[in-house]
């Protein structure tokens, strides 16, 4: 189900949206809905990223394992290349 809303756009932005819509064969409405959805998704992902980072920080403070960034990057490169690699050793347990 969709709900109706009104957007008041500056004339220059409205013209830019109309141009993109025309060039892409979409409606201005479709272009705006897609843009809003992308921004909402981006904001939600960013908020989750911050929550995850805060949780990781708390876990480290509580004694979680800590790894060298360089060793983790090397491990990930080996995984990508070979599909198998020994995990790096924790700096702190």
C-alpha atoms as a PDB file:
ATOM      1  CA  UNK A   1       0.000   0.000   0.000  1.00  0.00           C
ATOM      2  CA  UNK A   2       1.298   3.449  -0.813  1.00  0.00           C
ATOM      3  CA  UNK A   3       0.641   6.745   0.890  1.00  0.00           C
ATOM      4  CA  UNK A   4       0.543  10.112  -0.770  1.00  0.00           C
ATOM      5  CA  UNK A   5       2.777  12.985   0.252  1.00  0.00           C
ATOM      6  CA  UNK A   6       3.796  16.333  -1.154  1.00  0.00           C
ATOM      7  CA  UNK A   7       7.340  17.494  -1.802  1.00  0.00           C
ATOM      8  CA  UNK A   8       8.217  21.103  -2.425  1.00  0.00           C
ATOM      9  CA  UNK A   9      11.365  21.101  -4.529  1.00  0.00           C
ATOM     10  CA  UNK A  10      13.509  24.025  -5.570  1.00  0.00           C
ATOM     11  CA  UNK A  11      12.968  24.664  -9.290  1.00  0.00           C
ATOM     12  CA  UNK A  12      16.551  23.733 -10.201  1.00  0.00           C
ATOM     13  CA  UNK A  13      16.290  20.376  -8.399  1.00  0.00           C
ATOM     14  CA  UNK A  14      12.910  19.693  -9.987  1.00  0.00           C
ATOM     15  CA  UNK A  15      14.432  20.340 -13.416  1.00  0.00           C
ATOM     16  CA  UNK A  16      17.362  18.027 -12.670  1.00  0.00           C
ATOM     17  CA  UNK A  17      14.983  15.262 -11.587  1.00  0.00           C
ATOM     18  CA  UNK A  18      12.904  15.776 -14.722  1.00  0.00           C
ATOM     19  CA  UNK A  19      16.019  15.555 -16.910  1.00  0.00           C
ATOM     20  CA  UNK A  20      17.159  12.319 -15.262  1.00  0.00           C
ATOM     21  CA  UNK A  21      13.669  10.886 -15.602  1.00  0.00           C
ATOM     22  CA  UNK A  22      13.515  11.792 -19.275  1.00  0.00           C
ATOM     23  CA  UNK A  23      16.971  10.366 -20.023  1.00  0.00           C
ATOM     24  CA  UNK A  24      16.269   7.126 -18.176  1.00  0.00           C
ATOM     25  CA  UNK A  25      12.704   6.582 -19.401  1.00  0.00           C
ATOM     26  CA  UNK A  26      11.291   6.781 -15.905  1.00  0.00           C
ATOM     27  CA  UNK A  27       8.826   9.113 -14.280  1.00  0.00           C
ATOM     28  CA  UNK A  28      10.025  11.934 -12.030  1.00  0.00           C
ATOM     29  CA  UNK A  29       8.044  10.247  -9.264  1.00  0.00           C
ATOM     30  CA  UNK A  30       9.969   6.999  -9.778  1.00  0.00           C
ATOM     31  CA  UNK A  31      13.311   8.819  -9.722  1.00  0.00           C
ATOM     32  CA  UNK A  32      12.422  10.574  -6.459  1.00  0.00           C
ATOM     33  CA  UNK A  33      11.099   7.420  -4.762  1.00  0.00           C
ATOM     34  CA  UNK A  34      14.270   5.545  -5.731  1.00  0.00           C
ATOM     35  CA  UNK A  35      16.481   8.365  -4.428  1.00  0.00           C
ATOM     36  CA  UNK A  36      14.613   8.556  -1.128  1.00  0.00           C
ATOM     37  CA  UNK A  37      14.738   4.780  -0.703  1.00  0.00           C
ATOM     38  CA  UNK A  38      18.502   4.734  -1.363  1.00  0.00           C
ATOM     39  CA  UNK A  39      19.098   7.470   1.212  1.00  0.00           C
ATOM     40  CA  UNK A  40      16.921   5.776   3.828  1.00  0.00           C
ATOM     41  CA  UNK A  41      18.742   2.466   3.242  1.00  0.00           C
ATOM     42  CA  UNK A  42      22.129   4.213   3.506  1.00  0.00           C
ATOM     43  CA  UNK A  43      21.153   5.938   6.743  1.00  0.00           C
ATOM     44  CA  UNK A  44      19.840   2.703   8.271  1.00  0.00           C
ATOM     45  CA  UNK A  45      23.039   0.838   7.323  1.00  0.00           C
ATOM     46  CA  UNK A  46      25.164   3.628   8.784  1.00  0.00           C
ATOM     47  CA  UNK A  47      23.225   3.561  12.058  1.00  0.00           C
ATOM     48  CA  UNK A  48      23.671  -0.219  12.283  1.00  0.00           C
ATOM     49  CA  UNK A  49      27.392   0.175  11.531  1.00  0.00           C
ATOM     50  CA  UNK A  50      27.727   2.634  14.425  1.00  0.00           C
ATOM     51  CA  UNK A  51      25.802   0.302  16.770  1.00  0.00           C
ATOM     52  CA  UNK A  52      28.017  -2.622  15.755  1.00  0.00           C
ATOM     53  CA  UNK A  53      31.164  -0.547  16.264  1.00  0.00           C
ATOM     54  CA  UNK A  54      30.007   0.554  19.715  1.00  0.00           C
ATOM     55  CA  UNK A  55      29.219  -3.047  20.653  1.00  0.00           C
ATOM     56  CA  UNK A  56      32.657  -4.163  19.420  1.00  0.00           C
ATOM     57  CA  UNK A  57      34.298  -1.399  21.456  1.00  0.00           C
ATOM     58  CA  UNK A  58      32.453  -2.538  24.580  1.00  0.00           C
ATOM     59  CA  UNK A  59      33.431  -6.149  23.886  1.00  0.00           C
ATOM     60  CA  UNK A  60      37.094  -5.140  23.598  1.00  0.00           C
ATOM     61  CA  UNK A  61      36.846  -3.238  26.884  1.00  0.00           C
ATOM     62  CA  UNK A  62      35.345  -6.386  28.413  1.00  0.00           C
ATOM     63  CA  UNK A  63      38.301  -8.492  27.260  1.00  0.00           C
ATOM     64  CA  UNK A  64      37.383  -9.734  23.788  1.00  0.00           C
ATOM     65  CA  UNK A  65      40.154 -10.915  21.486  1.00  0.00           C
ATOM     66  CA  UNK A  66      42.094  -8.224  19.623  1.00  0.00           C
ATOM     67  CA  UNK A  67      43.995  -8.770  16.372  1.00  0.00           C
ATOM     68  CA  UNK A  68      46.643  -6.860  14.432  1.00  0.00           C
ATOM     69  CA  UNK A  69      45.025  -5.097  11.476  1.00  0.00           C
ATOM     70  CA  UNK A  70      47.964  -6.010   9.237  1.00  0.00           C
ATOM     71  CA  UNK A  71      47.675  -9.683  10.099  1.00  0.00           C
ATOM     72  CA  UNK A  72      43.924  -9.639   9.543  1.00  0.00           C
ATOM     73  CA  UNK A  73      44.377  -8.025   6.112  1.00  0.00           C
ATOM     74  CA  UNK A  74      46.986 -10.618   5.161  1.00  0.00           C
ATOM     75  CA  UNK A  75      44.666 -13.395   6.345  1.00  0.00           C
ATOM     76  CA  UNK A  76      41.769 -12.001   4.296  1.00  0.00           C
ATOM     77  CA  UNK A  77      43.954 -11.741   1.185  1.00  0.00           C
ATOM     78  CA  UNK A  78      44.998 -15.375   1.600  1.00  0.00           C
ATOM     79  CA  UNK A  79      41.367 -16.425   2.073  1.00  0.00           C
ATOM     80  CA  UNK A  80      40.360 -14.580  -1.075  1.00  0.00           C
ATOM     81  CA  UNK A  81      43.230 -16.062  -3.060  1.00  0.00           C
ATOM     82  CA  UNK A  82      43.370 -19.630  -1.719  1.00  0.00           C
ATOM     83  CA  UNK A  83      40.044 -20.171   0.000  1.00  0.00           C
ATOM     84  CA  UNK A  84      41.862 -21.367   3.111  1.00  0.00           C
ATOM     85  CA  UNK A  85      44.172 -19.647   5.546  1.00  0.00           C
ATOM     86  CA  UNK A  86      45.124 -20.026   9.143  1.00  0.00           C
ATOM     87  CA  UNK A  87      43.552 -17.418  11.385  1.00  0.00           C
ATOM     88  CA  UNK A  88      45.881 -14.824  12.840  1.00  0.00           C
ATOM     89  CA  UNK A  89      46.803 -15.139  16.500  1.00  0.00           C
ATOM     90  CA  UNK A  90      45.083 -12.801  18.903  1.00  0.00           C
ATOM     91  CA  UNK A  91      47.215 -10.062  20.412  1.00  0.00           C
ATOM     92  CA  UNK A  92      45.104 -10.229  23.549  1.00  0.00           C
ATOM     93  CA  UNK A  93      42.760 -12.921  24.776  1.00  0.00           C
END
